[in-house]
Amino acid sequence: MPKATPTTDTSAQATSPATASALPAIPAQSDVVAQPAAAPVSVPAANYVVPVLPQVPVVKGKSYAAPLSFIGSARRIGALISRLSSGNVAVAIALWATLGLLSVGLAWTFVLCWYVVIFGIFGIFTFPYRLIRRSQRKSQHLQQVSLATQQAMLLQQQQMLQQGRVQ
Protein backbone atom coordinates (compact mmCIF):
# COMPACT_ATOMS: atom_id res chain seq x y z
CA MET A 1 0.00 0.00 0.00
CA PRO A 2 1.61 3.32 -1.02
CA LYS A 3 2.21 5.98 1.61
CA ALA A 4 0.26 9.22 1.34
CA THR A 5 2.29 12.42 1.29
CA PRO A 6 0.67 15.83 1.69
CA THR A 7 0.98 18.25 -1.22
CA THR A 8 -0.57 21.64 -1.71
CA ASP A 9 -2.84 22.94 -4.41
CA THR A 10 -1.43 26.44 -4.96
CA SER A 11 -4.00 27.46 -7.55
CA ALA A 12 -6.66 27.94 -4.85
CA GLN A 13 -4.54 30.10 -2.54
CA ALA A 14 -5.73 33.59 -1.81
CA THR A 15 -3.03 36.17 -1.26
CA SER A 16 -3.22 39.89 -0.83
CA PRO A 17 -1.37 42.09 -3.38
CA ALA A 18 0.84 43.58 -0.64
CA THR A 19 2.18 40.23 0.56
CA ALA A 20 2.19 38.31 -2.74
CA SER A 21 5.54 39.76 -3.81
CA ALA A 22 7.19 39.50 -0.40
CA LEU A 23 6.38 36.00 0.88
CA PRO A 24 4.60 32.91 -0.43
CA ALA A 25 1.19 32.30 1.08
CA ILE A 26 0.72 29.46 3.56
CA PRO A 27 -1.92 27.00 2.31
CA ALA A 28 -5.04 26.50 4.36
CA GLN A 29 -5.73 23.09 5.91
CA SER A 30 -8.55 22.47 3.38
CA ASP A 31 -6.11 23.02 0.48
CA VAL A 32 -3.83 20.15 1.54
CA VAL A 33 -4.58 17.04 -0.54
CA ALA A 34 -3.12 13.60 0.20
CA GLN A 35 -1.66 11.82 -2.83
CA PRO A 36 0.22 8.52 -3.16
CA ALA A 37 4.01 8.77 -2.90
CA ALA A 38 4.49 7.56 -6.48
CA ALA A 39 2.42 10.44 -7.92
CA PRO A 40 4.35 13.50 -9.13
CA VAL A 41 4.37 16.54 -6.87
CA SER A 42 2.36 19.48 -8.19
CA VAL A 43 4.32 22.42 -9.62
CA PRO A 44 3.74 25.82 -7.97
CA ALA A 45 1.69 28.38 -9.84
CA ALA A 46 3.38 30.94 -12.08
CA ASN A 47 2.82 33.77 -9.56
CA TYR A 48 4.87 31.96 -6.88
CA VAL A 49 7.74 34.19 -5.69
CA VAL A 50 10.90 32.67 -4.24
CA PRO A 51 11.68 34.33 -0.88
CA VAL A 52 14.81 36.47 -1.03
CA LEU A 53 17.42 35.90 1.67
CA PRO A 54 18.91 38.99 3.30
CA GLN A 55 22.40 39.82 2.05
CA VAL A 56 23.36 41.84 5.13
CA PRO A 57 23.83 39.93 8.40
CA VAL A 58 21.13 40.63 10.95
CA VAL A 59 23.49 40.30 13.93
CA LYS A 60 26.97 41.75 13.75
CA GLY A 61 29.86 39.39 14.45
CA LYS A 62 30.82 39.11 18.08
CA SER A 63 33.59 37.39 19.97
CA TYR A 64 32.29 34.48 21.95
CA ALA A 65 35.61 33.76 23.64
CA ALA A 66 35.62 34.22 27.40
CA PRO A 67 36.76 37.65 28.62
CA LEU A 68 39.17 35.98 31.03
CA SER A 69 41.04 34.13 28.27
CA PHE A 70 43.97 35.25 26.20
CA ILE A 71 42.01 35.19 22.92
CA GLY A 72 38.89 36.81 24.37
CA SER A 73 40.76 39.71 25.94
CA ALA A 74 42.79 40.33 22.77
CA ARG A 75 39.64 40.28 20.59
CA ARG A 76 37.85 42.73 22.84
CA ILE A 77 40.81 45.11 22.89
CA GLY A 78 41.05 44.85 19.09
CA ALA A 79 37.34 45.65 18.75
CA LEU A 80 37.78 48.69 21.02
CA ILE A 81 40.69 49.98 18.94
CA SER A 82 38.73 49.43 15.72
CA ARG A 83 35.84 51.48 17.11
CA LEU A 84 38.16 54.25 18.28
CA SER A 85 39.97 54.47 14.92
CA SER A 86 36.70 54.76 12.93
CA GLY A 87 38.27 53.15 9.86
CA ASN A 88 41.29 55.48 9.72
CA VAL A 89 44.37 53.29 9.15
CA ALA A 90 46.89 55.80 10.52
CA VAL A 91 44.91 56.26 13.72
CA ALA A 92 44.51 52.48 14.06
CA ILE A 93 48.28 51.93 13.76
CA ALA A 94 48.97 54.68 16.29
CA LEU A 95 46.39 53.28 18.72
CA TRP A 96 47.78 49.75 18.38
CA ALA A 97 51.34 50.98 18.91
CA THR A 98 50.45 52.92 22.05
CA LEU A 99 47.24 51.76 23.64
CA GLY A 100 46.77 48.30 22.08
CA LEU A 101 50.05 46.60 22.93
CA LEU A 102 50.03 48.00 26.46
CA SER A 103 46.40 46.92 27.00
CA VAL A 104 46.99 43.41 25.63
CA GLY A 105 50.08 43.03 27.82
CA LEU A 106 48.22 44.13 30.94
CA ALA A 107 45.18 42.01 30.12
CA TRP A 108 47.28 38.91 29.49
CA THR A 109 49.16 39.48 32.76
CA PHE A 110 45.85 39.66 34.59
CA VAL A 111 44.56 36.52 32.82
CA LEU A 112 47.76 34.66 33.70
CA CYS A 113 47.37 35.66 37.37
CA TRP A 114 43.73 34.57 37.23
CA TYR A 115 44.73 31.13 35.89
CA VAL A 116 47.41 30.76 38.57
CA VAL A 117 44.91 31.58 41.32
CA ILE A 118 42.06 29.41 40.00
CA PHE A 119 44.02 26.38 38.87
CA GLY A 120 47.18 26.73 40.96
CA ILE A 121 45.87 27.58 44.41
CA PHE A 122 42.33 26.21 44.32
CA GLY A 123 43.43 23.30 42.15
CA ILE A 124 45.53 22.07 45.08
CA PHE A 125 42.32 21.40 47.01
CA THR A 126 40.79 19.30 44.25
CA PHE A 127 43.47 16.57 44.33
CA PRO A 128 43.10 15.57 48.01
CA TYR A 129 39.30 15.65 47.66
CA ARG A 130 39.44 13.31 44.66
CA LEU A 131 41.82 10.96 46.48
CA ILE A 132 39.57 10.88 49.56
CA ARG A 133 36.49 10.21 47.44
CA ARG A 134 38.32 7.47 45.54
CA SER A 135 39.27 5.70 48.75
CA GLN A 136 35.67 6.03 50.00
CA ARG A 137 34.29 4.52 46.80
CA LYS A 138 36.89 1.75 46.92
CA SER A 139 36.06 0.80 50.52
CA GLN A 140 32.33 0.97 49.76
CA HIS A 141 32.85 -1.40 46.83
CA LEU A 142 34.80 -3.82 49.02
CA GLN A 143 32.02 -3.75 51.61
CA GLN A 144 29.40 -4.49 48.95
CA VAL A 145 31.46 -7.39 47.54
CA SER A 146 31.98 -8.81 51.03
CA LEU A 147 28.26 -8.54 51.83
CA ALA A 148 27.27 -10.17 48.54
CA THR A 149 29.73 -13.02 49.15
CA GLN A 150 28.38 -13.64 52.66
CA GLN A 151 24.80 -13.62 51.37
CA ALA A 152 25.68 -16.12 48.63
CA MET A 153 27.38 -18.40 51.16
CA LEU A 154 24.33 -18.26 53.47
CA LEU A 155 21.98 -19.11 50.61
CA GLN A 156 24.19 -22.01 49.61
CA GLN A 157 24.23 -23.32 53.21
CA GLN A 158 20.45 -23.05 53.42
CA GLN A 159 20.02 -24.98 50.19
CA MET A 160 22.41 -27.72 51.40
CA LEU A 161 20.52 -27.99 54.70
CA GLN A 162 17.19 -28.24 52.90
CA GLN A 163 18.54 -30.94 50.56
CA GLY A 164 19.83 -32.88 53.58
CA ARG A 165 16.38 -32.87 55.21
CA VAL A 166 14.57 -33.95 52.05
CA GLN A 167 16.75 -37.02 51.49
C-alpha atoms as a PDB file:
ATOM      1  CA  MET A   1       0.000   0.000   0.000  1.00  0.00           C
ATOM      2  CA  PRO A   2       1.611   3.324  -1.019  1.00  0.00           C
ATOM      3  CA  LYS A   3       2.210   5.978   1.608  1.00  0.00           C
ATOM      4  CA  ALA A   4       0.264   9.223   1.344  1.00  0.00           C
ATOM      5  CA  THR A   5       2.288  12.416   1.287  1.00  0.00           C
ATOM      6  CA  PRO A   6       0.668  15.833   1.688  1.00  0.00           C
ATOM      7  CA  THR A   7       0.982  18.251  -1.224  1.00  0.00           C
ATOM      8  CA  THR A   8      -0.575  21.644  -1.712  1.00  0.00           C
ATOM      9  CA  ASP A   9      -2.843  22.942  -4.410  1.00  0.00           C
ATOM     10  CA  THR A  10      -1.425  26.437  -4.962  1.00  0.00           C
ATOM     11  CA  SER A  11      -3.999  27.461  -7.545  1.00  0.00           C
ATOM     12  CA  ALA A  12      -6.662  27.939  -4.853  1.00  0.00           C
ATOM     13  CA  GLN A  13      -4.545  30.096  -2.537  1.00  0.00           C
ATOM     14  CA  ALA A  14      -5.731  33.586  -1.815  1.00  0.00           C
ATOM     15  CA  THR A  15      -3.026  36.169  -1.259  1.00  0.00           C
ATOM     16  CA  SER A  16      -3.223  39.889  -0.831  1.00  0.00           C
ATOM     17  CA  PRO A  17      -1.372  42.086  -3.376  1.00  0.00           C
ATOM     18  CA  ALA A  18       0.842  43.582  -0.644  1.00  0.00           C
ATOM     19  CA  THR A  19       2.183  40.226   0.559  1.00  0.00           C
ATOM     20  CA  ALA A  20       2.190  38.309  -2.740  1.00  0.00           C
ATOM     21  CA  SER A  21       5.537  39.763  -3.814  1.00  0.00           C
ATOM     22  CA  ALA A  22       7.189  39.496  -0.398  1.00  0.00           C
ATOM     23  CA  LEU A  23       6.382  36.001   0.883  1.00  0.00           C
ATOM     24  CA  PRO A  24       4.601  32.910  -0.428  1.00  0.00           C
ATOM     25  CA  ALA A  25       1.187  32.296   1.085  1.00  0.00           C
ATOM     26  CA  ILE A  26       0.716  29.464   3.557  1.00  0.00           C
ATOM     27  CA  PRO A  27      -1.918  26.999   2.306  1.00  0.00           C
ATOM     28  CA  ALA A  28      -5.044  26.498   4.358  1.00  0.00           C
ATOM     29  CA  GLN A  29      -5.732  23.093   5.912  1.00  0.00           C
ATOM     30  CA  SER A  30      -8.548  22.473   3.381  1.00  0.00           C
ATOM     31  CA  ASP A  31      -6.106  23.025   0.477  1.00  0.00           C
ATOM     32  CA  VAL A  32      -3.827  20.151   1.541  1.00  0.00           C
ATOM     33  CA  VAL A  33      -4.580  17.044  -0.538  1.00  0.00           C
ATOM     34  CA  ALA A  34      -3.116  13.596   0.200  1.00  0.00           C
ATOM     35  CA  GLN A  35      -1.660  11.822  -2.831  1.00  0.00           C
ATOM     36  CA  PRO A  36       0.218   8.518  -3.161  1.00  0.00           C
ATOM     37  CA  ALA A  37       4.011   8.767  -2.896  1.00  0.00           C
ATOM     38  CA  ALA A  38       4.489   7.563  -6.483  1.00  0.00           C
ATOM     39  CA  ALA A  39       2.420  10.435  -7.916  1.00  0.00           C
ATOM     40  CA  PRO A  40       4.352  13.504  -9.128  1.00  0.00           C
ATOM     41  CA  VAL A  41       4.372  16.544  -6.872  1.00  0.00           C
ATOM     42  CA  SER A  42       2.361  19.481  -8.193  1.00  0.00           C
ATOM     43  CA  VAL A  43       4.315  22.420  -9.622  1.00  0.00           C
ATOM     44  CA  PRO A  44       3.738  25.822  -7.966  1.00  0.00           C
ATOM     45  CA  ALA A  45       1.693  28.385  -9.842  1.00  0.00           C
ATOM     46  CA  ALA A  46       3.382  30.944 -12.081  1.00  0.00           C
ATOM     47  CA  ASN A  47       2.815  33.771  -9.562  1.00  0.00           C
ATOM     48  CA  TYR A  48       4.870  31.964  -6.877  1.00  0.00           C
ATOM     49  CA  VAL A  49       7.743  34.192  -5.694  1.00  0.00           C
ATOM     50  CA  VAL A  50      10.902  32.674  -4.241  1.00  0.00           C
ATOM     51  CA  PRO A  51      11.677  34.333  -0.879  1.00  0.00           C
ATOM     52  CA  VAL A  52      14.806  36.471  -1.028  1.00  0.00           C
ATOM     53  CA  LEU A  53      17.418  35.897   1.668  1.00  0.00           C
ATOM     54  CA  PRO A  54      18.906  38.992   3.298  1.00  0.00           C
ATOM     55  CA  GLN A  55      22.396  39.824   2.050  1.00  0.00           C
ATOM     56  CA  VAL A  56      23.360  41.838   5.131  1.00  0.00           C
ATOM     57  CA  PRO A  57      23.831  39.926   8.402  1.00  0.00           C
ATOM     58  CA  VAL A  58      21.128  40.628  10.947  1.00  0.00           C
ATOM     59  CA  VAL A  59      23.488  40.303  13.931  1.00  0.00           C
ATOM     60  CA  LYS A  60      26.970  41.752  13.746  1.00  0.00           C
ATOM     61  CA  GLY A  61      29.862  39.390  14.452  1.00  0.00           C
ATOM     62  CA  LYS A  62      30.823  39.105  18.078  1.00  0.00           C
ATOM     63  CA  SER A  63      33.587  37.391  19.969  1.00  0.00           C
ATOM     64  CA  TYR A  64      32.286  34.477  21.955  1.00  0.00           C
ATOM     65  CA  ALA A  65      35.606  33.757  23.645  1.00  0.00           C
ATOM     66  CA  ALA A  66      35.623  34.221  27.400  1.00  0.00           C
ATOM     67  CA  PRO A  67      36.755  37.647  28.621  1.00  0.00           C
ATOM     68  CA  LEU A  68      39.172  35.977  31.034  1.00  0.00           C
ATOM     69  CA  SER A  69      41.036  34.133  28.273  1.00  0.00           C
ATOM     70  CA  PHE A  70      43.972  35.250  26.197  1.00  0.00           C
ATOM     71  CA  ILE A  71      42.013  35.190  22.923  1.00  0.00           C
ATOM     72  CA  GLY A  72      38.889  36.810  24.374  1.00  0.00           C
ATOM     73  CA  SER A  73      40.765  39.707  25.938  1.00  0.00           C
ATOM     74  CA  ALA A  74      42.792  40.334  22.768  1.00  0.00           C
ATOM     75  CA  ARG A  75      39.636  40.283  20.593  1.00  0.00           C
ATOM     76  CA  ARG A  76      37.846  42.735  22.842  1.00  0.00           C
ATOM     77  CA  ILE A  77      40.809  45.106  22.887  1.00  0.00           C
ATOM     78  CA  GLY A  78      41.049  44.847  19.090  1.00  0.00           C
ATOM     79  CA  ALA A  79      37.344  45.653  18.752  1.00  0.00           C
ATOM     80  CA  LEU A  80      37.778  48.687  21.018  1.00  0.00           C
ATOM     81  CA  ILE A  81      40.688  49.980  18.944  1.00  0.00           C
ATOM     82  CA  SER A  82      38.733  49.429  15.716  1.00  0.00           C
ATOM     83  CA  ARG A  83      35.837  51.479  17.109  1.00  0.00           C
ATOM     84  CA  LEU A  84      38.160  54.252  18.277  1.00  0.00           C
ATOM     85  CA  SER A  85      39.973  54.465  14.922  1.00  0.00           C
ATOM     86  CA  SER A  86      36.704  54.761  12.935  1.00  0.00           C
ATOM     87  CA  GLY A  87      38.274  53.152   9.858  1.00  0.00           C
ATOM     88  CA  ASN A  88      41.292  55.477   9.721  1.00  0.00           C
ATOM     89  CA  VAL A  89      44.370  53.287   9.155  1.00  0.00           C
ATOM     90  CA  ALA A  90      46.890  55.798  10.516  1.00  0.00           C
ATOM     91  CA  VAL A  91      44.909  56.264  13.720  1.00  0.00           C
ATOM     92  CA  ALA A  92      44.506  52.477  14.065  1.00  0.00           C
ATOM     93  CA  ILE A  93      48.280  51.927  13.762  1.00  0.00           C
ATOM     94  CA  ALA A  94      48.973  54.682  16.294  1.00  0.00           C
ATOM     95  CA  LEU A  95      46.393  53.277  18.717  1.00  0.00           C
ATOM     96  CA  TRP A  96      47.776  49.746  18.383  1.00  0.00           C
ATOM     97  CA  ALA A  97      51.340  50.977  18.908  1.00  0.00           C
ATOM     98  CA  THR A  98      50.451  52.917  22.045  1.00  0.00           C
ATOM     99  CA  LEU A  99      47.240  51.759  23.641  1.00  0.00           C
ATOM    100  CA  GLY A 100      46.766  48.297  22.080  1.00  0.00           C
ATOM    101  CA  LEU A 101      50.047  46.603  22.930  1.00  0.00           C
ATOM    102  CA  LEU A 102      50.025  48.002  26.456  1.00  0.00           C
ATOM    103  CA  SER A 103      46.403  46.918  26.998  1.00  0.00           C
ATOM    104  CA  VAL A 104      46.990  43.413  25.634  1.00  0.00           C
ATOM    105  CA  GLY A 105      50.084  43.029  27.820  1.00  0.00           C
ATOM    106  CA  LEU A 106      48.218  44.134  30.941  1.00  0.00           C
ATOM    107  CA  ALA A 107      45.176  42.011  30.122  1.00  0.00           C
ATOM    108  CA  TRP A 108      47.279  38.912  29.493  1.00  0.00           C
ATOM    109  CA  THR A 109      49.164  39.481  32.755  1.00  0.00           C
ATOM    110  CA  PHE A 110      45.845  39.660  34.586  1.00  0.00           C
ATOM    111  CA  VAL A 111      44.565  36.519  32.817  1.00  0.00           C
ATOM    112  CA  LEU A 112      47.762  34.655  33.700  1.00  0.00           C
ATOM    113  CA  CYS A 113      47.373  35.664  37.367  1.00  0.00           C
ATOM    114  CA  TRP A 114      43.735  34.565  37.230  1.00  0.00           C
ATOM    115  CA  TYR A 115      44.726  31.133  35.888  1.00  0.00           C
ATOM    116  CA  VAL A 116      47.406  30.759  38.574  1.00  0.00           C
ATOM    117  CA  VAL A 117      44.911  31.576  41.320  1.00  0.00           C
ATOM    118  CA  ILE A 118      42.064  29.415  39.999  1.00  0.00           C
ATOM    119  CA  PHE A 119      44.021  26.376  38.874  1.00  0.00           C
ATOM    120  CA  GLY A 120      47.178  26.734  40.962  1.00  0.00           C
ATOM    121  CA  ILE A 121      45.875  27.577  44.409  1.00  0.00           C
ATOM    122  CA  PHE A 122      42.330  26.212  44.317  1.00  0.00           C
ATOM    123  CA  GLY A 123      43.433  23.298  42.147  1.00  0.00           C
ATOM    124  CA  ILE A 124      45.526  22.073  45.076  1.00  0.00           C
ATOM    125  CA  PHE A 125      42.319  21.396  47.009  1.00  0.00           C
ATOM    126  CA  THR A 126      40.793  19.304  44.247  1.00  0.00           C
ATOM    127  CA  PHE A 127      43.468  16.568  44.328  1.00  0.00           C
ATOM    128  CA  PRO A 128      43.095  15.574  48.011  1.00  0.00           C
ATOM    129  CA  TYR A 129      39.305  15.651  47.664  1.00  0.00           C
ATOM    130  CA  ARG A 130      39.442  13.308  44.665  1.00  0.00           C
ATOM    131  CA  LEU A 131      41.820  10.961  46.485  1.00  0.00           C
ATOM    132  CA  ILE A 132      39.566  10.883  49.561  1.00  0.00           C
ATOM    133  CA  ARG A 133      36.485  10.205  47.443  1.00  0.00           C
ATOM    134  CA  ARG A 134      38.320   7.474  45.540  1.00  0.00           C
ATOM    135  CA  SER A 135      39.271   5.703  48.754  1.00  0.00           C
ATOM    136  CA  GLN A 136      35.673   6.028  50.005  1.00  0.00           C
ATOM    137  CA  ARG A 137      34.287   4.517  46.799  1.00  0.00           C
ATOM    138  CA  LYS A 138      36.887   1.750  46.919  1.00  0.00           C
ATOM    139  CA  SER A 139      36.062   0.803  50.520  1.00  0.00           C
ATOM    140  CA  GLN A 140      32.326   0.971  49.758  1.00  0.00           C
ATOM    141  CA  HIS A 141      32.849  -1.402  46.832  1.00  0.00           C
ATOM    142  CA  LEU A 142      34.805  -3.818  49.017  1.00  0.00           C
ATOM    143  CA  GLN A 143      32.021  -3.753  51.610  1.00  0.00           C
ATOM    144  CA  GLN A 144      29.400  -4.489  48.954  1.00  0.00           C
ATOM    145  CA  VAL A 145      31.456  -7.386  47.536  1.00  0.00           C
ATOM    146  CA  SER A 146      31.976  -8.814  51.029  1.00  0.00           C
ATOM    147  CA  LEU A 147      28.262  -8.545  51.834  1.00  0.00           C
ATOM    148  CA  ALA A 148      27.274 -10.172  48.544  1.00  0.00           C
ATOM    149  CA  THR A 149      29.733 -13.016  49.147  1.00  0.00           C
ATOM    150  CA  GLN A 150      28.382 -13.639  52.662  1.00  0.00           C
ATOM    151  CA  GLN A 151      24.796 -13.618  51.368  1.00  0.00           C
ATOM    152  CA  ALA A 152      25.677 -16.119  48.629  1.00  0.00           C
ATOM    153  CA  MET A 153      27.376 -18.396  51.158  1.00  0.00           C
ATOM    154  CA  LEU A 154      24.334 -18.261  53.473  1.00  0.00           C
ATOM    155  CA  LEU A 155      21.979 -19.109  50.614  1.00  0.00           C
ATOM    156  CA  GLN A 156      24.191 -22.014  49.607  1.00  0.00           C
ATOM    157  CA  GLN A 157      24.235 -23.323  53.209  1.00  0.00           C
ATOM    158  CA  GLN A 158      20.449 -23.052  53.424  1.00  0.00           C
ATOM    159  CA  GLN A 159      20.022 -24.977  50.187  1.00  0.00           C
ATOM    160  CA  MET A 160      22.406 -27.715  51.398  1.00  0.00           C
ATOM    161  CA  LEU A 161      20.517 -27.993  54.700  1.00  0.00           C
ATOM    162  CA  GLN A 162      17.190 -28.241  52.896  1.00  0.00           C
ATOM    163  CA  GLN A 163      18.541 -30.938  50.563  1.00  0.00           C
ATOM    164  CA  GLY A 164      19.833 -32.876  53.577  1.00  0.00           C
ATOM    165  CA  ARG A 165      16.384 -32.868  55.209  1.00  0.00           C
ATOM    166  CA  VAL A 166      14.570 -33.948  52.048  1.00  0.00           C
ATOM    167  CA  GLN A 167      16.747 -37.021  51.491  1.00  0.00           C
END
